[in-house]
Protein backbone atom coordinates (compact mmCIF):
# COMPACT_ATOMS: atom_id res chain seq x y z
CA UNK A 1 10.36 -2.52 -14.84
CA UNK A 2 12.83 -4.87 -13.16
CA UNK A 3 14.09 -1.97 -11.00
CA UNK A 4 10.58 -1.27 -9.78
CA UNK A 5 9.67 -4.87 -9.28
CA UNK A 6 12.79 -5.63 -7.11
CA UNK A 7 13.19 -2.70 -4.78
CA UNK A 8 15.94 -1.99 -2.32
CA UNK A 9 15.28 -5.32 -0.54
CA UNK A 10 16.41 -7.04 -3.71
CA UNK A 11 13.45 -9.37 -3.99
CA UNK A 12 10.48 -9.19 -6.32
CA UNK A 13 7.53 -7.28 -4.97
CA UNK A 14 4.48 -9.33 -5.85
CA UNK A 15 2.16 -6.72 -4.26
CA UNK A 16 2.89 -3.91 -6.81
CA UNK A 17 -0.01 -2.73 -8.90
CA UNK A 18 2.34 -2.41 -11.85
CA UNK A 19 3.31 -5.99 -11.42
CA UNK A 20 -0.27 -7.24 -11.66
CA UNK A 21 -1.44 -6.96 -8.06
CA UNK A 22 -4.75 -5.32 -7.18
CA UNK A 23 -6.74 -4.45 -4.16
CA UNK A 24 -9.79 -6.44 -3.15
CA UNK A 25 -12.57 -3.90 -2.41
CA UNK A 26 -14.60 -6.17 -0.20
CA UNK A 27 -11.55 -6.77 2.08
CA UNK A 28 -10.33 -3.16 2.10
CA UNK A 29 -11.20 -0.40 4.53
CA UNK A 30 -12.94 2.76 3.34
CA UNK A 31 -10.79 5.56 1.96
CA UNK A 32 -10.66 8.79 3.90
CA UNK A 33 -11.47 11.71 1.59
CA UNK A 34 -10.71 15.18 3.00
CA UNK A 35 -13.63 17.54 2.34
CA UNK A 36 -11.38 20.45 1.44
CA UNK A 37 -9.13 18.57 -0.91
CA UNK A 38 -8.70 19.81 -4.50
CA UNK A 39 -6.76 16.61 -5.28
CA UNK A 40 -7.99 14.30 -7.99
CA UNK A 41 -10.03 11.46 -6.42
CA UNK A 42 -7.64 8.88 -7.86
CA UNK A 43 -4.94 10.30 -5.49
CA UNK A 44 -6.88 8.85 -2.58
CA UNK A 45 -7.33 5.20 -3.46
CA UNK A 46 -5.91 1.82 -2.21
CA UNK A 47 -4.00 1.76 -5.57
CA UNK A 48 -1.59 4.26 -3.89
CA UNK A 49 -0.69 1.59 -1.30
CA UNK A 50 0.39 -0.77 -4.14
CA UNK A 51 2.50 1.78 -5.87
CA UNK A 52 6.26 1.94 -5.46
CA UNK A 53 6.20 5.69 -5.04
CA UNK A 54 6.88 6.62 -1.38
CA UNK A 55 7.08 10.38 -1.75
CA UNK A 56 5.17 12.72 0.51
CA UNK A 57 1.46 12.76 -0.44
CA UNK A 58 1.54 9.50 -2.30
CA UNK A 59 -0.32 7.40 0.25
CA UNK A 60 -3.67 5.74 0.82
CA UNK A 61 -5.46 7.40 3.74
CA UNK A 62 -8.14 5.14 5.29
CA UNK A 63 -10.88 6.02 7.57
CA UNK A 64 -10.22 5.59 11.37
CA UNK A 65 -7.25 4.64 13.49
CA UNK A 66 -6.82 1.16 11.92
CA UNK A 67 -7.63 -0.37 8.53
CA UNK A 68 -7.07 -3.27 6.29
CA UNK A 69 -6.00 -3.78 2.68
CA UNK A 70 -6.97 -6.91 0.74
CA UNK A 71 -4.36 -7.62 -1.97
CA UNK A 72 -4.89 -10.04 -4.89
CA UNK A 73 -1.47 -11.19 -5.96
CA UNK A 74 -0.85 -11.76 -9.72
CA UNK A 75 0.03 -15.40 -9.14
CA UNK A 76 0.27 -17.91 -6.29
CA UNK A 77 3.40 -17.31 -4.26
CA UNK A 78 5.13 -18.75 -1.17
CA UNK A 79 5.51 -15.61 1.00
CA UNK A 80 8.91 -15.58 2.77
CA UNK A 81 9.38 -11.85 3.44
CA UNK A 82 7.06 -8.88 4.05
CA UNK A 83 7.99 -5.20 4.08
CA UNK A 84 5.91 -2.02 4.45
CA UNK A 85 7.44 1.11 3.02
CA UNK A 86 7.01 4.55 4.44
CA UNK A 87 8.73 7.87 3.91
CA UNK A 88 11.52 8.64 6.34
CA UNK A 89 10.65 10.21 9.70
CA UNK A 90 12.47 13.49 8.69
CA UNK A 91 10.13 13.96 5.74
CA UNK A 92 6.90 12.84 7.31
CA UNK A 93 4.45 15.64 8.15
CA UNK A 94 3.04 13.36 10.92
CA UNK A 95 4.92 10.16 11.63
CA UNK A 96 1.99 8.86 13.73
CA UNK A 97 0.35 7.88 10.41
CA UNK A 98 3.03 5.26 9.67
CA UNK A 99 1.93 1.66 10.06
CA UNK A 100 3.31 0.08 13.29
CA UNK A 101 1.52 -3.24 13.71
CA UNK A 102 0.03 -5.44 11.09
CA UNK A 103 -1.34 -8.95 10.55
CA UNK A 104 -0.74 -11.01 7.42
CA UNK A 105 -3.49 -13.34 6.27
CA UNK A 106 -3.32 -15.68 3.31
CA UNK A 107 -6.10 -17.03 1.24
CA UNK A 108 -5.99 -19.59 -1.51
CA UNK A 109 -8.90 -21.04 -3.41
């Protein structure tokens, strides 16, 4: 578990589903579901975005050209670093789907 919780950056990843993070449905864009897909419906969920698996096909496709993902962290944290993982360009069927710009918002009750 330690290997998965501290990836190649060498810091703990608080946004991993396996580490206790979850998506916030009301703050998350709708999932794009291909009509002709024989894939299990769980393959197309925001949970994929919080998984450490970055192999081809393990992604969360959202509807439209931009989207948002609300993430509930497992505990209060002081965010010092942010990374977004994507498969390498050489392996990507369409690199245009890779995130390019993002905004980070924090909320604390």
